[in-house]
């Protein structure tokens, strides 16, 4: 019975989605990756109260009958329900569809015959799961689950009609109040990728190739730096049907915490990850210095970020100079070093098993 209801709901959502003419196409939404947006929100104002008197031929003293105005519409930030995303077959992964200004709807004014104005419907801002709402650096909400809502601006209350002011002392009030203005504020929306593990490394370290080798993701791979310009998330599936999400973070460079290169815009994506995998290019000279520089950049952005459970992935072991660097690397670090070749897929099974061990031994609430 529950399955049949879910299928009917999916069909209804699909039909409603086809009739939306103003919605952006999938190509336009996925063309640009935006993980930060400054948004001005202005909630709707309340409707004005009415000042009228009841007038009928057989009622000489009808009295005041002005109704109250309706409340203005709120502006709500929401992470869509997973059922809705499956129905419309469109996963929201970026803030590119979020505009810079949102105005709420105004409430209707009151009218005669004690008719109250209609309350305005809320305005929703759809954001991906993992979006943080901030105001002047202060965190207001963290939408880390599907279906979560946060009212970022409240609509104004409706005004009072003259019927509201009727009393024994004043049998014919003329007073009617206007509706209150809606709340206005400027907030910052920050998207942080939701993943269990992050691949951290310098450009051309082979992170995208490694993600292709261990998961179902297919990021672009090329022989030039900064091939990855946005985080890619792949799913690693185990025999017991456990699934771990691994994020390919764009390459960092020295001074990334000072907004150099791709800057801090992608460092924030690492904060959500419970496990870190430092991917080193073993064909380069002194790869252990890469590891020290990566830890320094993470700690400068967020103290003790590099202290989370992590392992070193010695990549490009198919190259001849990598063997000599591997022994030197193991003698200089005390972390677990897993030699792999993302190009040939060598030893990726050991990496997948070690990733599961770190995930199981690290409680989720520790982050």
Protein backbone atom coordinates (compact mmCIF):
# COMPACT_ATOMS: atom_id res chain seq x y z
CA UNK A 1 0.00 0.00 0.00
CA UNK A 2 2.80 2.42 0.90
CA UNK A 3 4.64 1.58 -2.33
CA UNK A 4 1.54 2.25 -4.42
CA UNK A 5 1.01 5.63 -2.74
CA UNK A 6 4.64 6.55 -3.38
CA UNK A 7 4.34 5.64 -7.06
CA UNK A 8 1.15 7.71 -7.41
CA UNK A 9 2.89 10.66 -5.75
CA UNK A 10 5.81 10.31 -8.16
CA UNK A 11 3.46 10.40 -11.15
CA UNK A 12 1.69 13.49 -9.84
CA UNK A 13 4.96 15.32 -9.27
CA UNK A 14 6.20 14.39 -12.74
CA UNK A 15 3.04 15.75 -14.36
CA UNK A 16 3.24 18.99 -12.40
CA UNK A 17 6.90 19.38 -13.27
CA UNK A 18 6.25 19.13 -17.02
CA UNK A 19 3.89 22.12 -16.89
CA UNK A 20 6.44 24.50 -15.36
CA UNK A 21 7.34 26.80 -18.23
CA UNK A 22 9.50 29.25 -16.31
CA UNK A 23 11.95 26.69 -14.95
CA UNK A 24 15.50 26.68 -16.26
CA UNK A 25 16.58 23.78 -18.42
CA UNK A 26 18.96 21.09 -17.20
CA UNK A 27 21.72 22.28 -19.51
CA UNK A 28 21.56 25.84 -18.19
CA UNK A 29 21.59 24.65 -14.58
CA UNK A 30 24.59 22.36 -15.00
CA UNK A 31 26.63 24.76 -17.15
CA UNK A 32 28.12 26.63 -14.20
CA UNK A 33 29.02 25.42 -10.74
CA UNK A 34 28.28 28.00 -8.03
CA UNK A 35 28.96 27.21 -4.38
CA UNK A 36 28.52 30.70 -2.90
CA UNK A 37 25.72 33.21 -3.37
CA UNK A 38 24.85 36.51 -1.69
CA UNK A 39 21.08 36.87 -1.60
CA UNK A 40 18.83 39.76 -0.59
CA UNK A 41 15.43 38.61 0.66
CA UNK A 42 12.43 40.87 1.23
CA UNK A 43 9.38 39.17 2.68
CA UNK A 44 5.89 40.22 1.66
CA UNK A 45 4.03 43.01 3.44
CA UNK A 46 0.72 42.47 5.18
CA UNK A 47 -2.53 43.66 3.64
CA UNK A 48 -4.19 46.84 4.88
CA UNK A 49 -7.20 46.69 7.13
CA UNK A 50 -10.50 48.02 5.78
CA UNK A 51 -12.61 50.83 7.26
CA UNK A 52 -16.20 50.22 6.11
CA UNK A 53 -19.68 50.17 7.60
CA UNK A 54 -22.46 47.70 7.04
CA UNK A 55 -25.21 49.18 4.90
CA UNK A 56 -28.52 47.45 4.18
CA UNK A 57 -32.02 48.91 3.71
CA UNK A 58 -33.46 47.15 6.73
CA UNK A 59 -30.45 47.75 9.01
CA UNK A 60 -30.12 51.42 9.88
CA UNK A 61 -27.30 50.90 12.36
CA UNK A 62 -25.26 48.14 10.76
CA UNK A 63 -22.02 49.14 12.44
CA UNK A 64 -18.40 48.72 11.32
CA UNK A 65 -17.59 45.64 9.21
CA UNK A 66 -14.06 46.28 7.90
CA UNK A 67 -11.99 43.07 7.88
CA UNK A 68 -8.34 42.57 8.69
CA UNK A 69 -5.65 42.29 6.04
CA UNK A 70 -3.84 39.06 5.26
CA UNK A 71 -0.29 38.30 6.36
CA UNK A 72 2.61 38.70 3.94
CA UNK A 73 4.40 35.70 2.52
CA UNK A 74 7.51 34.28 4.18
CA UNK A 75 10.69 33.45 2.27
CA UNK A 76 11.88 29.92 3.04
CA UNK A 77 15.12 28.20 2.11
CA UNK A 78 14.54 24.49 1.55
CA UNK A 79 16.47 21.39 0.60
CA UNK A 80 14.10 19.44 -1.69
CA UNK A 81 12.70 16.08 -0.68
CA UNK A 82 14.53 13.11 -2.14
CA UNK A 83 11.24 11.75 -3.49
CA UNK A 84 10.71 14.96 -5.47
CA UNK A 85 14.22 14.83 -6.93
CA UNK A 86 13.69 11.25 -8.06
CA UNK A 87 10.37 12.16 -9.63
CA UNK A 88 11.65 15.08 -11.70
CA UNK A 89 14.95 13.29 -12.38
CA UNK A 90 16.98 16.40 -11.57
CA UNK A 91 19.47 16.49 -8.72
CA UNK A 92 20.25 20.03 -7.52
CA UNK A 93 24.03 20.18 -7.14
CA UNK A 94 24.77 23.89 -7.45
CA UNK A 95 23.54 27.32 -6.40
CA UNK A 96 23.50 28.50 -10.02
CA UNK A 97 19.69 28.57 -10.08
CA UNK A 98 19.53 30.86 -7.02
CA UNK A 99 19.04 34.52 -7.94
CA UNK A 100 20.40 37.47 -5.99
CA UNK A 101 17.08 39.05 -4.94
CA UNK A 102 13.83 37.46 -3.73
CA UNK A 103 10.62 39.35 -3.00
CA UNK A 104 7.80 37.71 -1.09
CA UNK A 105 4.14 38.03 -2.01
CA UNK A 106 1.95 40.63 -0.30
CA UNK A 107 -1.12 39.77 1.70
CA UNK A 108 -4.54 40.81 0.46
CA UNK A 109 -6.30 43.80 1.97
CA UNK A 110 -9.39 43.36 4.09
CA UNK A 111 -12.81 44.26 2.72
CA UNK A 112 -16.35 44.94 3.86
CA UNK A 113 -18.75 42.44 5.42
CA UNK A 114 -15.98 41.36 7.84
CA UNK A 115 -14.04 39.70 5.04
CA UNK A 116 -10.44 39.08 5.97
CA UNK A 117 -7.71 39.32 3.32
CA UNK A 118 -6.03 36.13 2.18
CA UNK A 119 -2.61 35.29 3.58
CA UNK A 120 0.12 35.25 0.95
CA UNK A 121 1.77 31.95 0.09
CA UNK A 122 5.46 31.58 1.00
CA UNK A 123 8.29 31.89 -1.50
CA UNK A 124 10.72 28.96 -1.56
CA UNK A 125 14.40 29.04 -2.45
CA UNK A 126 15.53 25.56 -3.47
CA UNK A 127 19.14 24.79 -2.55
CA UNK A 128 21.21 21.60 -2.61
CA UNK A 129 21.61 19.46 0.48
CA UNK A 130 24.64 20.69 2.40
CA UNK A 131 23.91 24.40 2.04
CA UNK A 132 24.74 26.67 4.98
CA UNK A 133 22.83 29.93 5.51
CA UNK A 134 24.93 32.71 7.04
CA UNK A 135 24.47 36.36 7.95
CA UNK A 136 27.56 38.50 8.58
CA UNK A 137 29.62 35.39 9.25
CA UNK A 138 27.12 33.92 11.74
CA UNK A 139 25.59 30.56 10.83
CA UNK A 140 21.80 30.67 10.78
CA UNK A 141 20.95 27.22 9.44
CA UNK A 142 22.64 24.10 8.12
CA UNK A 143 20.46 22.22 5.63
CA UNK A 144 22.23 18.87 5.75
CA UNK A 145 19.20 16.60 5.14
CA UNK A 146 16.56 16.32 2.45
CA UNK A 147 13.35 18.19 3.21
CA UNK A 148 14.81 20.59 5.77
CA UNK A 149 13.39 24.13 5.82
CA UNK A 150 14.54 27.44 7.25
CA UNK A 151 12.46 30.62 7.24
CA UNK A 152 14.99 33.28 6.34
CA UNK A 153 12.52 36.22 6.29
CA UNK A 154 9.08 36.51 7.89
CA UNK A 155 6.19 38.27 6.19
CA UNK A 156 4.53 41.27 7.77
CA UNK A 157 1.34 40.98 9.80
CA UNK A 158 -1.91 42.14 8.25
CA UNK A 159 -3.47 45.43 9.30
CA UNK A 160 -6.57 45.63 11.50
CA UNK A 161 -9.94 46.68 10.12
CA UNK A 162 -12.25 49.06 11.95
CA UNK A 163 -14.34 46.10 13.13
CA UNK A 164 -11.38 45.19 15.37
CA UNK A 165 -11.61 48.53 17.20
CA UNK A 166 -15.33 48.24 18.02
CA UNK A 167 -15.98 48.72 21.74
CA UNK A 168 -18.67 49.94 24.10
CA UNK A 169 -16.98 53.32 24.24
CA UNK A 170 -16.62 53.63 20.46
CA UNK A 171 -19.51 52.16 18.50
CA UNK A 172 -18.46 53.62 15.15
CA UNK A 173 -14.66 53.46 14.88
CA UNK A 174 -13.05 54.83 11.74
CA UNK A 175 -9.60 53.56 12.55
CA UNK A 176 -7.94 50.97 10.29
CA UNK A 177 -4.23 50.14 10.39
CA UNK A 178 -1.97 49.40 7.41
CA UNK A 179 -0.15 46.09 7.07
CA UNK A 180 3.35 45.71 8.45
CA UNK A 181 6.32 45.49 6.12
CA UNK A 182 8.01 42.16 5.64
CA UNK A 183 11.42 41.34 7.07
CA UNK A 184 14.38 42.35 4.90
CA UNK A 185 17.88 40.94 5.23
CA UNK A 186 20.96 39.93 3.26
CA UNK A 187 22.25 36.39 3.71
CA UNK A 188 25.04 34.29 2.28
CA UNK A 189 24.42 30.79 0.96
CA UNK A 190 27.44 28.46 1.03
CA UNK A 191 27.40 24.99 -0.49
CA UNK A 192 29.56 22.34 1.13
CA UNK A 193 29.78 19.00 -0.61
CA UNK A 194 28.28 16.15 1.39
CA UNK A 195 30.71 13.22 1.23
CA UNK A 196 32.26 10.70 3.59
CA UNK A 197 35.80 11.03 2.24
CA UNK A 198 37.73 13.68 0.32
CA UNK A 199 40.58 13.30 -2.15
CA UNK A 200 43.01 16.11 -1.34
CA UNK A 201 46.06 16.89 -3.42
CA UNK A 202 47.87 19.28 -5.70
CA UNK A 203 46.91 19.71 -9.37
CA UNK A 204 47.81 16.77 -11.61
CA UNK A 205 48.15 14.40 -8.64
CA UNK A 206 45.71 11.99 -10.30
CA UNK A 207 42.68 12.54 -8.05
CA UNK A 208 40.15 12.38 -10.88
CA UNK A 209 41.72 9.23 -12.30
CA UNK A 210 41.67 7.67 -8.84
CA UNK A 211 38.00 8.52 -8.37
CA UNK A 212 37.20 6.88 -11.70
CA UNK A 213 39.11 3.78 -10.63
CA UNK A 214 37.36 3.24 -7.28
CA UNK A 215 33.83 4.55 -7.90
CA UNK A 216 31.14 5.04 -10.51
CA UNK A 217 32.00 8.70 -11.11
CA UNK A 218 33.40 9.81 -14.46
CA UNK A 219 35.12 13.18 -14.00
CA UNK A 220 37.18 14.70 -16.78
CA UNK A 221 40.82 13.61 -16.96
CA UNK A 222 43.50 15.55 -18.85
CA UNK A 223 47.27 16.11 -18.77
CA UNK A 224 47.13 19.73 -17.61
CA UNK A 225 46.62 21.37 -14.19
CA UNK A 226 43.19 22.36 -12.83
CA UNK A 227 41.29 19.88 -14.95
CA UNK A 228 38.78 19.62 -12.11
CA UNK A 229 37.03 22.94 -11.55
CA UNK A 230 34.20 21.68 -9.34
CA UNK A 231 33.88 18.87 -6.81
CA UNK A 232 32.84 15.48 -8.16
CA UNK A 233 31.30 12.85 -5.92
CA UNK A 234 31.54 9.13 -6.61
CA UNK A 235 29.94 6.20 -4.77
CA UNK A 236 32.02 3.24 -3.58
CA UNK A 237 29.82 0.18 -3.07
CA UNK A 238 30.80 -2.74 -0.80
CA UNK A 239 29.61 -6.32 -0.69
CA UNK A 240 27.46 -5.69 2.38
CA UNK A 241 25.66 -2.96 0.34
CA UNK A 242 27.29 -0.17 2.34
CA UNK A 243 27.94 2.89 0.17
CA UNK A 244 30.55 5.57 0.79
CA UNK A 245 30.64 8.90 -1.04
CA UNK A 246 34.10 10.09 -2.10
CA UNK A 247 34.59 13.68 -3.27
CA UNK A 248 37.25 14.78 -5.73
CA UNK A 249 38.24 18.25 -4.49
CA UNK A 250 39.84 20.60 -7.07
CA UNK A 251 43.60 20.84 -6.77
CA UNK A 252 45.11 23.03 -4.08
CA UNK A 253 48.27 25.11 -4.38
CA UNK A 254 50.51 26.75 -1.76
CA UNK A 255 48.66 29.75 -0.36
CA UNK A 256 45.19 28.34 -1.04
CA UNK A 257 44.04 29.51 2.41
CA UNK A 258 44.91 33.05 1.25
CA UNK A 259 42.51 32.61 -1.70
CA UNK A 260 45.24 31.80 -4.20
CA UNK A 261 44.49 29.52 -7.11
CA UNK A 262 40.94 28.27 -6.73
CA UNK A 263 41.10 29.68 -3.20
CA UNK A 264 39.04 28.90 -0.13
CA UNK A 265 35.90 28.37 -2.20
CA UNK A 266 36.72 24.66 -2.35
CA UNK A 267 38.46 24.28 1.01
CA UNK A 268 35.04 24.52 2.66
CA UNK A 269 33.97 21.32 0.90
CA UNK A 270 36.56 19.36 2.89
CA UNK A 271 35.00 20.37 6.23
CA UNK A 272 32.05 18.00 5.69
CA UNK A 273 34.20 14.92 5.10
CA UNK A 274 34.88 12.44 7.87
CA UNK A 275 37.95 10.89 6.23
CA UNK A 276 40.76 12.49 4.21
CA UNK A 277 42.83 10.80 1.50
CA UNK A 278 45.96 12.76 0.61
CA UNK A 279 46.82 11.93 -2.98
CA UNK A 280 50.53 12.44 -3.78
CA UNK A 281 52.26 12.37 -7.15
CA UNK A 282 55.08 9.89 -6.56
CA UNK A 283 56.82 10.83 -9.81
CA UNK A 284 57.63 14.31 -8.45
CA UNK A 285 60.72 15.12 -6.43
CA UNK A 286 60.27 14.84 -2.65
CA UNK A 287 56.53 14.01 -2.53
CA UNK A 288 56.58 14.11 1.29
CA UNK A 289 56.86 17.89 1.05
CA UNK A 290 53.53 17.88 -0.81
CA UNK A 291 51.94 16.14 2.15
CA UNK A 292 53.34 18.67 4.63
CA UNK A 293 52.17 21.59 2.48
CA UNK A 294 48.66 20.13 2.13
CA UNK A 295 48.37 19.69 5.91
CA UNK A 296 49.55 23.25 6.41
CA UNK A 297 46.92 24.65 4.02
CA UNK A 298 44.11 22.70 5.71
CA UNK A 299 45.14 23.76 9.20
CA UNK A 300 45.46 27.40 8.18
CA UNK A 301 41.91 27.33 6.86
CA UNK A 302 40.46 25.34 9.76
CA UNK A 303 42.66 24.39 12.74
CA UNK A 304 43.06 20.63 13.26
CA UNK A 305 41.31 19.84 9.98
CA UNK A 306 44.24 17.69 8.89
CA UNK A 307 44.04 15.73 12.16
CA UNK A 308 40.96 13.83 11.05
CA UNK A 309 41.47 10.16 10.16
CA UNK A 310 43.48 10.14 6.99
CA UNK A 311 45.78 8.09 4.84
CA UNK A 312 48.37 8.86 2.18
CA UNK A 313 47.67 7.55 -1.30
CA UNK A 314 50.94 7.21 -3.21
CA UNK A 315 49.66 7.55 -6.77
CA UNK A 316 51.35 6.99 -10.15
CA UNK A 317 53.29 3.93 -8.98
CA UNK A 318 53.42 2.75 -12.59
CA UNK A 319 56.18 5.30 -13.29
CA UNK A 320 59.79 4.13 -12.76
CA UNK A 321 60.90 6.94 -10.40
CA UNK A 322 57.98 6.28 -8.04
CA UNK A 323 59.53 3.17 -6.46
CA UNK A 324 62.50 5.05 -5.02
CA UNK A 325 60.29 7.85 -3.72
CA UNK A 326 57.97 5.37 -2.01
CA UNK A 327 60.64 4.08 0.37
CA UNK A 328 61.77 7.64 1.14
CA UNK A 329 58.19 8.68 1.82
CA UNK A 330 57.55 5.82 4.26
CA UNK A 331 60.70 6.69 6.18
CA UNK A 332 59.61 10.31 6.65
CA UNK A 333 55.94 9.95 7.63
CA UNK A 334 54.15 7.85 10.23
CA UNK A 335 50.78 7.73 8.45
CA UNK A 336 49.52 4.76 6.48
CA UNK A 337 50.85 4.86 2.92
CA UNK A 338 48.93 2.98 0.22
CA UNK A 339 50.74 2.74 -3.13
CA UNK A 340 48.34 2.65 -6.08
CA UNK A 341 48.25 3.25 -9.79
CA UNK A 342 45.02 4.95 -10.80
CA UNK A 343 45.93 4.49 -14.46
CA UNK A 344 46.26 0.70 -14.27
CA UNK A 345 44.01 0.14 -11.24
CA UNK A 346 46.81 -1.53 -9.27
CA UNK A 347 46.20 -1.94 -5.51
CA UNK A 348 42.96 0.06 -5.56
CA UNK A 349 41.29 -2.82 -3.71
CA UNK A 350 43.50 -2.24 -0.68
CA UNK A 351 42.63 1.45 -0.76
CA UNK A 352 38.91 0.67 -0.82
CA UNK A 353 39.22 -1.71 2.16
CA UNK A 354 41.30 0.76 4.18
CA UNK A 355 38.78 3.50 3.45
CA UNK A 356 36.03 1.32 4.91
CA UNK A 357 38.10 0.64 8.04
CA UNK A 358 38.63 4.34 8.68
CA UNK A 359 34.96 5.04 8.06
CA UNK A 360 33.79 2.34 10.49
CA UNK A 361 36.25 3.35 13.22
CA UNK A 362 35.43 7.06 13.08
CA UNK A 363 32.06 8.07 14.60
CA UNK A 364 29.96 10.46 12.57
CA UNK A 365 29.38 12.96 15.37
CA UNK A 366 33.12 13.54 15.81
CA UNK A 367 33.18 16.04 12.96
